[in-house]
Amino acid sequence: MNEYDIKDLHRTMLIITDEIDRMCKKHNINYSMYGGTLIGAVRHKGFIPWDDDFDIAMLRSDYEKFLEICLIELDGKFNIITMDNTDDYGYNFIKITLKGTKVLQGKYSKLKDKYSEIWVDVFPMDNVPSGKIQKIVHQAKNYLYIKLLEERFDGISEDEKRITKRFAFKALSTFNAIIPVKSLKKGLKKNSIKYSKTRTEKITSLSSCYGYDRETLPSRVFEKYTEMEFEGRKYQAVVDYDLWLTNVFGDYMKLPPVEKRVTHGFTEVDFGIYK
């Protein structure tokens, strides 16, 4: 394990975020800081001191437009990772990474020697169906596809406390091995965008770790945006951030106890020329 200054990690992630912000402003794409990043903007005017990632969310329409723009004009010092262009990536959100950097995230992955480049995550916000049965099916399919892909690439978390879930997905692992990865990815995306052409009253993040229900909020939250200070910069956020953050985190202005300050658990970090 190598020691690194988290402020160097923050500084490096801002290089990526500046590029995302540049493209979004140029092409009139709305986005919002998200999750712990948004809490950091509100509570600290920058990163939460121990946070080791940067998250952004966009409505599905903006997300698809952003993806198209990235494939055309993303600066050459960055990479874009999606389910479509990366065989062993099974997450239904974009990663923008900085070439020449490396991190080793041994905490979650079963591939203990698999390095990644330092990244910023961009999540789509998708429509939630209004019908109760439709919602249950939508949520259940999303959960199943995510877990099957997780089992395929990362294994089932040893931290999973519910033994029944661990047993169920381990039992599925043999069956899962014969399902083409492309079919799983296609099914996940198809389910995600199923209601994208339907006007709905609610949206959710189908790719986040917080869960379908906690992430569900009125669609109007993503209608108005503002700029918020973040580490001396100005990045975009939804105006009604309080509703969103309260829904997911409760009293987000209160610092959590040390034992609940979750990180990605990087065991190695190499900043390359950006040190």
Protein backbone atom coordinates (compact mmCIF):
# COMPACT_ATOMS: atom_id res chain seq x y z
CA MET A 1 0.00 0.00 0.00
CA ASN A 2 1.40 3.39 -0.96
CA GLU A 3 0.69 6.60 0.89
CA TYR A 4 -0.85 9.50 -1.00
CA ASP A 5 -2.22 12.92 -0.17
CA ILE A 6 -5.98 12.93 -0.75
CA LYS A 7 -5.70 16.58 -1.75
CA ASP A 8 -3.64 15.44 -4.75
CA LEU A 9 -6.43 13.01 -5.63
CA HIS A 10 -9.00 15.81 -5.34
CA ARG A 11 -6.91 18.10 -7.53
CA THR A 12 -6.57 15.40 -10.18
CA MET A 13 -10.31 14.66 -10.25
CA LEU A 14 -10.97 18.37 -10.78
CA ILE A 15 -8.94 18.18 -14.02
CA ILE A 16 -11.50 15.65 -15.27
CA THR A 17 -14.47 17.61 -13.93
CA ASP A 18 -13.28 20.79 -15.64
CA GLU A 19 -13.34 18.95 -18.97
CA ILE A 20 -16.85 17.64 -18.32
CA ASP A 21 -18.01 21.13 -17.34
CA ARG A 22 -16.38 22.62 -20.46
CA MET A 23 -18.23 20.29 -22.82
CA CYS A 24 -21.54 20.69 -21.01
CA LYS A 25 -21.37 24.48 -21.14
CA LYS A 26 -20.37 24.46 -24.80
CA HIS A 27 -23.28 22.21 -25.80
CA ASN A 28 -25.94 23.43 -23.34
CA ILE A 29 -26.05 20.15 -21.42
CA ASN A 30 -27.40 20.36 -17.88
CA TYR A 31 -25.83 18.35 -15.09
CA SER A 32 -25.76 18.35 -11.31
CA MET A 33 -23.16 17.43 -8.75
CA TYR A 34 -24.42 14.33 -7.03
CA GLY A 35 -24.27 12.31 -3.83
CA GLY A 36 -21.33 13.02 -1.56
CA THR A 37 -19.99 15.51 -4.08
CA LEU A 38 -23.15 17.59 -3.77
CA ILE A 39 -23.01 17.35 0.03
CA GLY A 40 -19.43 18.59 -0.19
CA ALA A 41 -20.51 21.58 -2.27
CA VAL A 42 -23.25 22.51 0.21
CA ARG A 43 -21.44 21.74 3.46
CA HIS A 44 -17.76 22.36 2.62
CA LYS A 45 -17.82 24.38 -0.61
CA GLY A 46 -15.64 21.61 -1.99
CA PHE A 47 -14.80 17.98 -1.32
CA ILE A 48 -15.85 16.26 1.86
CA PRO A 49 -12.37 15.96 3.44
CA TRP A 50 -12.22 12.16 3.28
CA ASP A 51 -14.15 11.70 0.01
CA ASP A 52 -12.23 10.04 -2.81
CA ASP A 53 -14.57 10.38 -5.77
CA PHE A 54 -16.56 12.95 -7.77
CA ASP A 55 -20.08 12.16 -8.96
CA ILE A 56 -22.30 13.88 -11.51
CA ALA A 57 -25.90 13.13 -12.54
CA MET A 58 -27.86 14.06 -15.67
CA LEU A 59 -31.33 13.47 -17.00
CA ARG A 60 -31.27 10.61 -19.52
CA SER A 61 -31.72 13.01 -22.46
CA ASP A 62 -28.72 15.11 -21.40
CA TYR A 63 -26.74 11.98 -20.58
CA GLU A 64 -27.19 10.52 -24.07
CA LYS A 65 -26.26 13.85 -25.64
CA PHE A 66 -23.19 14.10 -23.41
CA LEU A 67 -22.11 10.60 -24.41
CA GLU A 68 -22.33 11.48 -28.10
CA ILE A 69 -20.29 14.66 -27.58
CA CYS A 70 -17.63 12.80 -25.59
CA LEU A 71 -17.10 10.30 -28.37
CA ILE A 72 -16.42 13.19 -30.76
CA GLU A 73 -14.54 15.88 -28.86
CA LEU A 74 -13.31 14.61 -25.49
CA ASP A 75 -9.75 15.88 -25.07
CA GLY A 76 -7.13 13.27 -25.90
CA LYS A 77 -5.73 13.13 -22.37
CA PHE A 78 -8.98 11.55 -21.16
CA ASN A 79 -10.70 8.21 -21.72
CA ILE A 80 -14.40 7.39 -21.65
CA ILE A 81 -15.55 4.05 -20.27
CA THR A 82 -19.02 2.67 -20.96
CA MET A 83 -20.63 -0.76 -21.04
CA ASP A 84 -20.54 -0.59 -24.83
CA ASN A 85 -16.85 0.17 -25.33
CA THR A 86 -15.36 -1.84 -22.45
CA ASP A 87 -15.90 -5.60 -22.31
CA ASP A 88 -15.22 -6.10 -18.60
CA TYR A 89 -17.20 -3.05 -17.42
CA GLY A 90 -20.72 -3.86 -16.29
CA TYR A 91 -22.04 -0.59 -14.88
CA ASN A 92 -24.75 1.45 -16.57
CA PHE A 93 -23.02 4.81 -16.14
CA ILE A 94 -20.07 6.62 -17.71
CA LYS A 95 -16.59 6.96 -16.30
CA ILE A 96 -14.36 9.74 -17.60
CA THR A 97 -10.76 8.89 -16.72
CA LEU A 98 -7.41 10.67 -16.85
CA LYS A 99 -4.78 8.90 -18.92
CA GLY A 100 -1.43 8.20 -17.28
CA THR A 101 -2.89 7.83 -13.78
CA LYS A 102 -3.53 4.62 -11.86
CA VAL A 103 -5.51 3.52 -8.83
CA LEU A 104 -5.90 0.07 -7.33
CA GLN A 105 -9.28 -0.47 -5.72
CA GLY A 106 -8.75 -3.72 -3.86
CA LYS A 107 -11.60 -3.14 -1.44
CA TYR A 108 -14.41 -4.20 -3.78
CA SER A 109 -13.03 -6.02 -6.79
CA LYS A 110 -12.19 -9.72 -6.82
CA LEU A 111 -9.50 -8.79 -9.34
CA LYS A 112 -7.07 -7.58 -6.71
CA ASP A 113 -4.39 -6.62 -9.23
CA LYS A 114 -6.68 -4.74 -11.63
CA TYR A 115 -5.74 -1.08 -11.97
CA SER A 116 -7.99 1.73 -13.16
CA GLU A 117 -7.30 5.30 -14.15
CA ILE A 118 -8.50 8.06 -11.82
CA TRP A 119 -12.08 8.79 -12.78
CA VAL A 120 -15.23 10.87 -12.43
CA ASP A 121 -18.60 9.08 -12.62
CA VAL A 122 -21.55 10.40 -14.66
CA PHE A 123 -24.92 8.84 -13.79
CA PRO A 124 -28.17 8.98 -15.80
CA MET A 125 -31.47 9.79 -14.09
CA ASP A 126 -34.28 7.68 -15.54
CA ASN A 127 -38.07 7.87 -15.48
CA VAL A 128 -40.03 5.91 -12.88
CA PRO A 129 -43.33 4.38 -14.10
CA SER A 130 -46.48 5.60 -12.37
CA GLY A 131 -48.17 2.20 -12.03
CA LYS A 132 -47.40 0.25 -8.85
CA ILE A 133 -46.90 -3.10 -10.61
CA GLN A 134 -44.84 -1.48 -13.37
CA LYS A 135 -42.60 0.09 -10.76
CA ILE A 136 -42.08 -3.20 -8.93
CA VAL A 137 -41.12 -4.95 -12.18
CA HIS A 138 -38.88 -2.06 -13.25
CA GLN A 139 -37.05 -2.10 -9.93
CA ALA A 140 -36.75 -5.88 -9.73
CA LYS A 141 -35.36 -6.25 -13.25
CA ASN A 142 -32.84 -3.49 -12.63
CA TYR A 143 -31.68 -5.14 -9.40
CA LEU A 144 -31.36 -8.57 -11.04
CA TYR A 145 -29.33 -7.34 -14.03
CA ILE A 146 -27.03 -5.29 -11.79
CA LYS A 147 -26.37 -8.22 -9.46
CA LEU A 148 -25.76 -10.67 -12.31
CA LEU A 149 -23.23 -8.30 -13.86
CA GLU A 150 -21.69 -7.63 -10.46
CA GLU A 151 -21.30 -11.35 -9.86
CA ARG A 152 -19.76 -11.77 -13.31
CA PHE A 153 -17.11 -9.06 -12.94
CA ASP A 154 -16.61 -8.38 -9.24
CA GLY A 155 -18.06 -11.31 -7.33
CA ILE A 156 -20.67 -11.01 -4.60
CA SER A 157 -19.50 -8.73 -1.83
CA GLU A 158 -18.23 -10.50 1.27
CA ASP A 159 -19.76 -7.60 3.18
CA GLU A 160 -23.28 -8.63 2.15
CA LYS A 161 -24.98 -9.12 5.51
CA ARG A 162 -28.08 -10.89 4.27
CA ILE A 163 -27.04 -14.51 3.97
CA THR A 164 -30.10 -15.37 1.87
CA LYS A 165 -29.04 -12.86 -0.80
CA ARG A 166 -25.47 -14.13 -0.84
CA PHE A 167 -26.68 -17.71 -1.18
CA ALA A 168 -29.16 -16.84 -3.93
CA PHE A 169 -26.63 -15.07 -6.10
CA LYS A 170 -23.94 -17.65 -5.55
CA ALA A 171 -26.46 -20.27 -6.65
CA LEU A 172 -27.07 -18.22 -9.79
CA SER A 173 -23.37 -17.96 -10.60
CA THR A 174 -23.28 -21.23 -12.57
CA PHE A 175 -26.34 -20.21 -14.58
CA ASN A 176 -24.96 -16.71 -14.97
CA ALA A 177 -21.75 -18.02 -16.53
CA ILE A 178 -23.60 -19.22 -19.64
CA ILE A 179 -25.48 -15.96 -20.26
CA PRO A 180 -23.65 -13.75 -22.77
CA VAL A 181 -22.40 -10.56 -21.14
CA LYS A 182 -23.78 -8.57 -24.08
CA SER A 183 -27.26 -9.91 -23.31
CA LEU A 184 -27.02 -8.82 -19.67
CA LYS A 185 -25.82 -5.35 -20.62
CA LYS A 186 -28.50 -4.99 -23.29
CA GLY A 187 -31.18 -6.07 -20.83
CA LEU A 188 -29.99 -3.63 -18.18
CA LYS A 189 -30.00 -0.67 -20.55
CA LYS A 190 -33.32 -1.62 -22.15
CA ASN A 191 -34.97 -1.73 -18.74
CA SER A 192 -33.36 1.57 -17.72
CA ILE A 193 -34.69 3.52 -20.70
CA LYS A 194 -38.04 1.74 -20.92
CA TYR A 195 -39.99 4.84 -19.84
CA SER A 196 -37.70 7.47 -21.32
CA LYS A 197 -40.28 8.50 -23.91
CA THR A 198 -43.08 8.64 -21.36
CA ARG A 199 -43.68 11.76 -19.31
CA THR A 200 -43.55 10.70 -15.66
CA GLU A 201 -43.84 12.50 -12.36
CA LYS A 202 -40.79 10.85 -10.82
CA ILE A 203 -37.23 9.92 -11.72
CA THR A 204 -34.52 7.84 -10.07
CA SER A 205 -30.91 6.81 -10.42
CA LEU A 206 -30.93 3.16 -11.43
CA SER A 207 -27.15 2.87 -11.13
CA SER A 208 -26.40 4.28 -7.71
CA CYS A 209 -25.57 2.40 -4.51
CA TYR A 210 -28.33 4.12 -2.53
CA GLY A 211 -31.23 2.16 -3.99
CA TYR A 212 -34.23 2.74 -6.24
CA ASP A 213 -36.61 4.10 -3.60
CA ARG A 214 -34.18 6.40 -1.80
CA GLU A 215 -33.15 7.91 -5.12
CA THR A 216 -36.71 8.43 -6.39
CA LEU A 217 -37.69 12.10 -6.47
CA PRO A 218 -40.07 14.40 -8.36
CA SER A 219 -39.03 15.01 -11.96
CA ARG A 220 -39.32 18.77 -11.37
CA VAL A 221 -36.14 18.64 -9.25
CA PHE A 222 -34.15 18.39 -12.49
CA GLU A 223 -35.87 21.33 -14.18
CA LYS A 224 -33.92 24.19 -12.54
CA TYR A 225 -30.18 24.52 -12.06
CA THR A 226 -27.73 26.87 -10.41
CA GLU A 227 -23.97 27.15 -9.99
CA MET A 228 -22.36 26.33 -6.66
CA GLU A 229 -18.86 26.98 -5.40
CA PHE A 230 -16.61 23.94 -5.34
CA GLU A 231 -12.91 24.22 -4.50
CA GLY A 232 -12.78 27.75 -5.91
CA ARG A 233 -14.63 26.75 -9.07
CA LYS A 234 -18.28 26.94 -10.09
CA TYR A 235 -20.06 23.71 -10.99
CA GLN A 236 -23.71 23.07 -11.73
CA ALA A 237 -26.29 21.69 -9.28
CA VAL A 238 -30.06 21.41 -9.13
CA VAL A 239 -31.71 24.28 -7.29
CA ASP A 240 -33.79 21.93 -5.13
CA TYR A 241 -30.75 20.01 -3.86
CA ASP A 242 -32.12 19.95 -0.30
CA LEU A 243 -35.04 17.70 -1.24
CA TRP A 244 -32.73 15.31 -3.07
CA LEU A 245 -30.07 15.10 -0.36
CA THR A 246 -32.58 14.82 2.47
CA ASN A 247 -34.34 12.00 0.64
CA VAL A 248 -31.11 10.01 0.33
CA PHE A 249 -29.08 10.99 3.40
CA GLY A 250 -31.43 12.51 5.95
CA ASP A 251 -29.59 15.20 7.94
CA TYR A 252 -26.78 15.62 5.44
CA MET A 253 -25.37 18.71 7.18
CA LYS A 254 -24.33 16.61 10.16
CA LEU A 255 -20.89 15.00 9.96
CA PRO A 256 -21.11 11.19 10.15
CA PRO A 257 -19.10 9.30 12.79
CA VAL A 258 -15.62 8.21 11.72
CA GLU A 259 -16.66 4.55 11.25
CA LYS A 260 -19.28 5.57 8.66
CA ARG A 261 -17.00 7.70 6.53
CA VAL A 262 -16.95 5.33 3.57
CA THR A 263 -14.28 5.50 0.85
CA HIS A 264 -13.34 3.39 -2.17
CA GLY A 265 -10.40 1.95 -0.26
CA PHE A 266 -7.67 2.68 -2.79
CA THR A 267 -4.57 0.67 -1.92
CA GLU A 268 -2.35 2.30 -4.55
CA VAL A 269 -2.48 5.64 -6.34
CA ASP A 270 -0.16 6.87 -9.10
CA PHE A 271 -0.71 10.43 -10.35
CA GLY A 272 1.74 10.11 -13.25
CA ILE A 273 2.69 13.50 -14.63
CA TYR A 274 -0.07 15.15 -12.57
CA LYS A 275 1.74 14.80 -9.23
